[in-house]
Amino acid sequence: TCYDKFRHLKTSLDVEAWKKSCLMCGSNSCQTLFPCPVKNCPYSFCRNCIKRNAQSALILADTKKWKCFVCMTNPLWEARGVCATLISAST
């Protein structure tokens, strides 16, 4: 459940916990974690979640040009479009 994945993140103000955990999967034991370089952004994403959800963003993740999916949502637009289409087709 979401609670099981995110229970170690006690509050949204627990910035250190957010920096050490992937925002998508909630894991704090990821082998490769990419913290967002944007000032005051506490979020990080793991290599597996970036690859699974926006593979093209993985290339940028290895550079200083990468920004997290909260600060730059563009890499997720295609996946969001597919989800929206599937949801609207099923209703």
N, C-alpha and C. Protein backbone atom coordinates (compact mmCIF):
# COMPACT_ATOMS: atom_id res chain seq x y z
N THR A 1 0.84 -1.19 0.00
CA THR A 1 0.00 0.00 0.00
C THR A 1 0.88 1.25 0.00
N CYS A 2 0.27 2.37 -0.30
CA CYS A 2 1.01 3.64 -0.27
C CYS A 2 1.57 3.90 1.12
N TYR A 3 0.79 3.59 2.14
CA TYR A 3 1.26 3.82 3.51
C TYR A 3 2.55 3.04 3.78
N ASP A 4 2.59 1.79 3.32
CA ASP A 4 3.78 0.98 3.55
C ASP A 4 5.00 1.57 2.85
N LYS A 5 4.81 2.09 1.65
CA LYS A 5 5.92 2.66 0.88
C LYS A 5 6.40 3.98 1.44
N PHE A 6 5.48 4.80 1.93
CA PHE A 6 5.82 6.16 2.31
C PHE A 6 5.80 6.43 3.81
N ARG A 7 5.68 5.40 4.64
CA ARG A 7 5.56 5.62 6.08
C ARG A 7 6.82 6.24 6.69
N HIS A 8 7.98 6.05 6.06
CA HIS A 8 9.20 6.65 6.60
C HIS A 8 9.27 8.15 6.32
N LEU A 9 8.40 8.65 5.47
CA LEU A 9 8.33 10.09 5.21
C LEU A 9 7.24 10.66 6.10
N LYS A 10 7.57 10.96 7.32
CA LYS A 10 6.57 11.31 8.33
C LYS A 10 5.74 12.54 7.98
N THR A 11 6.36 13.57 7.46
CA THR A 11 5.63 14.78 7.10
C THR A 11 6.23 15.36 5.84
N SER A 12 5.47 16.21 5.19
CA SER A 12 5.99 16.86 3.99
C SER A 12 7.12 17.81 4.33
N LEU A 13 7.27 18.13 5.61
CA LEU A 13 8.34 19.03 6.04
C LEU A 13 9.64 18.29 6.35
N ASP A 14 9.59 16.97 6.29
CA ASP A 14 10.77 16.15 6.56
C ASP A 14 11.64 16.11 5.31
N VAL A 15 12.32 17.22 5.04
CA VAL A 15 13.07 17.41 3.80
C VAL A 15 14.17 16.37 3.64
N GLU A 16 14.86 16.04 4.69
CA GLU A 16 15.95 15.07 4.60
C GLU A 16 15.43 13.69 4.17
N ALA A 17 14.26 13.30 4.65
CA ALA A 17 13.67 12.02 4.24
C ALA A 17 13.29 12.04 2.77
N TRP A 18 12.75 13.15 2.30
CA TRP A 18 12.39 13.26 0.88
C TRP A 18 13.63 13.17 0.01
N LYS A 19 14.73 13.78 0.43
CA LYS A 19 15.96 13.77 -0.37
C LYS A 19 16.55 12.38 -0.49
N LYS A 20 16.28 11.52 0.48
CA LYS A 20 16.86 10.18 0.50
C LYS A 20 15.93 9.11 -0.04
N SER A 21 14.76 9.51 -0.56
CA SER A 21 13.76 8.55 -1.04
C SER A 21 13.28 8.93 -2.43
N CYS A 22 12.93 7.92 -3.21
CA CYS A 22 12.35 8.17 -4.53
C CYS A 22 10.91 8.61 -4.35
N LEU A 23 10.55 9.71 -4.99
CA LEU A 23 9.19 10.23 -4.85
C LEU A 23 8.17 9.31 -5.52
N MET A 24 8.57 8.54 -6.55
CA MET A 24 7.62 7.67 -7.25
C MET A 24 7.38 6.35 -6.53
N CYS A 25 8.45 5.66 -6.16
CA CYS A 25 8.26 4.33 -5.56
C CYS A 25 8.34 4.36 -4.03
N GLY A 26 8.84 5.46 -3.48
CA GLY A 26 8.91 5.60 -2.03
C GLY A 26 10.09 4.89 -1.38
N SER A 27 10.91 4.24 -2.19
CA SER A 27 12.02 3.48 -1.63
C SER A 27 13.14 4.40 -1.15
N ASN A 28 13.69 4.06 -0.01
CA ASN A 28 14.85 4.79 0.48
C ASN A 28 16.10 3.91 0.41
N SER A 29 16.01 2.84 -0.37
CA SER A 29 17.16 1.95 -0.54
C SER A 29 17.51 1.77 -2.01
N CYS A 30 17.26 2.78 -2.82
CA CYS A 30 17.56 2.73 -4.25
C CYS A 30 19.06 2.75 -4.46
N GLN A 31 19.53 1.99 -5.47
CA GLN A 31 20.96 1.99 -5.76
C GLN A 31 21.41 3.32 -6.34
N THR A 32 20.62 3.88 -7.26
CA THR A 32 20.97 5.15 -7.89
C THR A 32 19.82 6.11 -7.71
N LEU A 33 20.03 7.15 -6.95
CA LEU A 33 19.01 8.15 -6.67
C LEU A 33 19.48 9.49 -7.22
N PHE A 34 18.60 10.15 -7.97
CA PHE A 34 18.92 11.44 -8.56
C PHE A 34 18.17 12.54 -7.82
N PRO A 35 18.86 13.30 -6.99
CA PRO A 35 18.21 14.44 -6.33
C PRO A 35 18.03 15.57 -7.34
N CYS A 36 16.97 16.31 -7.21
CA CYS A 36 16.72 17.44 -8.10
C CYS A 36 17.73 18.54 -7.78
N PRO A 37 18.37 19.10 -8.82
CA PRO A 37 19.36 20.16 -8.58
C PRO A 37 18.74 21.54 -8.40
N VAL A 38 17.42 21.66 -8.59
CA VAL A 38 16.76 22.95 -8.46
C VAL A 38 16.78 23.38 -6.99
N LYS A 39 17.18 24.60 -6.76
CA LYS A 39 17.27 25.12 -5.40
C LYS A 39 15.93 25.00 -4.69
N ASN A 40 15.96 24.54 -3.47
CA ASN A 40 14.78 24.37 -2.60
C ASN A 40 13.85 23.24 -3.02
N CYS A 41 14.22 22.42 -4.00
CA CYS A 41 13.40 21.26 -4.35
C CYS A 41 13.94 20.06 -3.57
N PRO A 42 13.12 19.45 -2.72
CA PRO A 42 13.61 18.36 -1.87
C PRO A 42 13.48 16.97 -2.49
N TYR A 43 12.99 16.87 -3.73
CA TYR A 43 12.63 15.57 -4.27
C TYR A 43 13.77 14.87 -5.00
N SER A 44 13.71 13.55 -4.99
CA SER A 44 14.65 12.69 -5.69
C SER A 44 13.86 11.59 -6.38
N PHE A 45 14.45 11.04 -7.42
CA PHE A 45 13.84 9.94 -8.16
C PHE A 45 14.91 8.89 -8.43
N CYS A 46 14.53 7.62 -8.37
CA CYS A 46 15.51 6.56 -8.60
C CYS A 46 15.61 6.25 -10.09
N ARG A 47 16.73 5.65 -10.46
CA ARG A 47 16.99 5.30 -11.86
C ARG A 47 15.88 4.41 -12.42
N ASN A 48 15.43 3.44 -11.65
CA ASN A 48 14.40 2.51 -12.14
C ASN A 48 13.10 3.23 -12.47
N CYS A 49 12.67 4.16 -11.62
CA CYS A 49 11.42 4.89 -11.87
C CYS A 49 11.55 5.84 -13.05
N ILE A 50 12.71 6.49 -13.17
CA ILE A 50 12.91 7.37 -14.32
C ILE A 50 12.87 6.54 -15.60
N LYS A 51 13.57 5.41 -15.61
CA LYS A 51 13.61 4.54 -16.79
C LYS A 51 12.22 4.00 -17.13
N ARG A 52 11.47 3.59 -16.13
CA ARG A 52 10.15 3.01 -16.35
C ARG A 52 9.13 4.03 -16.84
N ASN A 53 9.21 5.26 -16.35
CA ASN A 53 8.17 6.25 -16.64
C ASN A 53 8.53 7.26 -17.71
N ALA A 54 9.80 7.51 -17.92
CA ALA A 54 10.22 8.49 -18.93
C ALA A 54 11.67 8.19 -19.31
N GLN A 55 11.85 7.15 -20.11
CA GLN A 55 13.18 6.66 -20.41
C GLN A 55 14.09 7.74 -21.00
N SER A 56 13.53 8.63 -21.81
CA SER A 56 14.36 9.68 -22.42
C SER A 56 14.95 10.62 -21.36
N ALA A 57 14.28 10.75 -20.24
CA ALA A 57 14.78 11.61 -19.16
C ALA A 57 15.99 10.99 -18.45
N LEU A 58 16.18 9.69 -18.63
CA LEU A 58 17.31 9.02 -17.97
C LEU A 58 18.64 9.55 -18.50
N ILE A 59 18.68 9.90 -19.78
CA ILE A 59 19.90 10.46 -20.37
C ILE A 59 20.25 11.77 -19.67
N LEU A 60 19.24 12.61 -19.47
CA LEU A 60 19.46 13.89 -18.79
C LEU A 60 19.79 13.71 -17.31
N ALA A 61 19.28 12.65 -16.72
CA ALA A 61 19.49 12.44 -15.28
C ALA A 61 20.97 12.30 -14.95
N ASP A 62 21.74 11.83 -15.90
CA ASP A 62 23.17 11.68 -15.69
C ASP A 62 23.93 13.00 -15.87
N THR A 63 23.21 14.06 -16.21
CA THR A 63 23.85 15.36 -16.40
C THR A 63 23.29 16.37 -15.40
N LYS A 64 23.86 17.53 -15.39
CA LYS A 64 23.37 18.60 -14.51
C LYS A 64 22.14 19.29 -15.10
N LYS A 65 21.74 18.93 -16.33
CA LYS A 65 20.60 19.57 -16.98
C LYS A 65 19.27 18.97 -16.54
N TRP A 66 19.31 17.82 -15.87
CA TRP A 66 18.09 17.14 -15.45
C TRP A 66 17.41 17.90 -14.32
N LYS A 67 16.09 17.93 -14.37
CA LYS A 67 15.28 18.44 -13.27
C LYS A 67 14.25 17.37 -12.96
N CYS A 68 13.81 17.30 -11.73
CA CYS A 68 12.87 16.26 -11.34
C CYS A 68 11.52 16.45 -12.04
N PHE A 69 10.66 15.44 -11.94
CA PHE A 69 9.36 15.48 -12.61
C PHE A 69 8.38 16.44 -11.95
N VAL A 70 8.71 16.94 -10.79
CA VAL A 70 7.87 17.97 -10.16
C VAL A 70 8.23 19.33 -10.75
N CYS A 71 9.52 19.56 -10.93
CA CYS A 71 9.99 20.84 -11.47
C CYS A 71 9.84 20.93 -12.98
N MET A 72 9.94 19.80 -13.67
CA MET A 72 9.81 19.78 -15.13
C MET A 72 8.98 18.55 -15.52
N THR A 73 7.71 18.76 -15.81
CA THR A 73 6.79 17.65 -16.06
C THR A 73 6.81 17.16 -17.50
N ASN A 74 7.45 17.84 -18.41
CA ASN A 74 7.43 17.48 -19.83
C ASN A 74 7.71 16.00 -20.11
N PRO A 75 8.72 15.37 -19.50
CA PRO A 75 8.99 13.97 -19.82
C PRO A 75 7.82 13.03 -19.52
N LEU A 76 6.91 13.44 -18.67
CA LEU A 76 5.77 12.57 -18.31
C LEU A 76 4.53 12.83 -19.17
N TRP A 77 4.56 13.84 -20.02
CA TRP A 77 3.37 14.20 -20.80
C TRP A 77 2.87 13.05 -21.66
N GLU A 78 3.76 12.33 -22.32
CA GLU A 78 3.33 11.23 -23.18
C GLU A 78 2.63 10.14 -22.36
N ALA A 79 3.22 9.76 -21.25
CA ALA A 79 2.61 8.73 -20.40
C ALA A 79 1.27 9.20 -19.84
N ARG A 80 1.19 10.48 -19.47
CA ARG A 80 -0.08 11.03 -18.97
C ARG A 80 -1.15 11.02 -20.05
N GLY A 81 -0.75 11.30 -21.29
CA GLY A 81 -1.70 11.28 -22.41
C GLY A 81 -2.24 9.89 -22.66
N VAL A 82 -1.36 8.90 -22.61
CA VAL A 82 -1.79 7.51 -22.80
C VAL A 82 -2.75 7.11 -21.69
N CYS A 83 -2.43 7.44 -20.45
CA CYS A 83 -3.32 7.12 -19.33
C CYS A 83 -4.67 7.80 -19.47
N ALA A 84 -4.68 9.06 -19.85
CA ALA A 84 -5.94 9.80 -20.01
C ALA A 84 -6.79 9.17 -21.10
N THR A 85 -6.16 8.75 -22.19
CA THR A 85 -6.90 8.11 -23.28
C THR A 85 -7.50 6.78 -22.83
N LEU A 86 -6.72 5.99 -22.12
CA LEU A 86 -7.21 4.70 -21.63
C LEU A 86 -8.35 4.87 -20.63
N ILE A 87 -8.21 5.84 -19.75
CA ILE A 87 -9.26 6.08 -18.76
C ILE A 87 -10.54 6.55 -19.43
N SER A 88 -10.43 7.47 -20.39
CA SER A 88 -11.64 7.98 -21.05
C SER A 88 -12.28 6.92 -21.93
N ALA A 89 -11.48 6.00 -22.48
CA ALA A 89 -12.03 4.93 -23.31
C ALA A 89 -12.76 3.89 -22.48
N SER A 90 -12.38 3.76 -21.22
CA SER A 90 -13.00 2.73 -20.37
C SER A 90 -14.25 3.23 -19.65
N THR A 91 -14.55 4.53 -19.77
CA THR A 91 -15.74 5.05 -19.09
C THR A 91 -16.88 5.25 -20.04
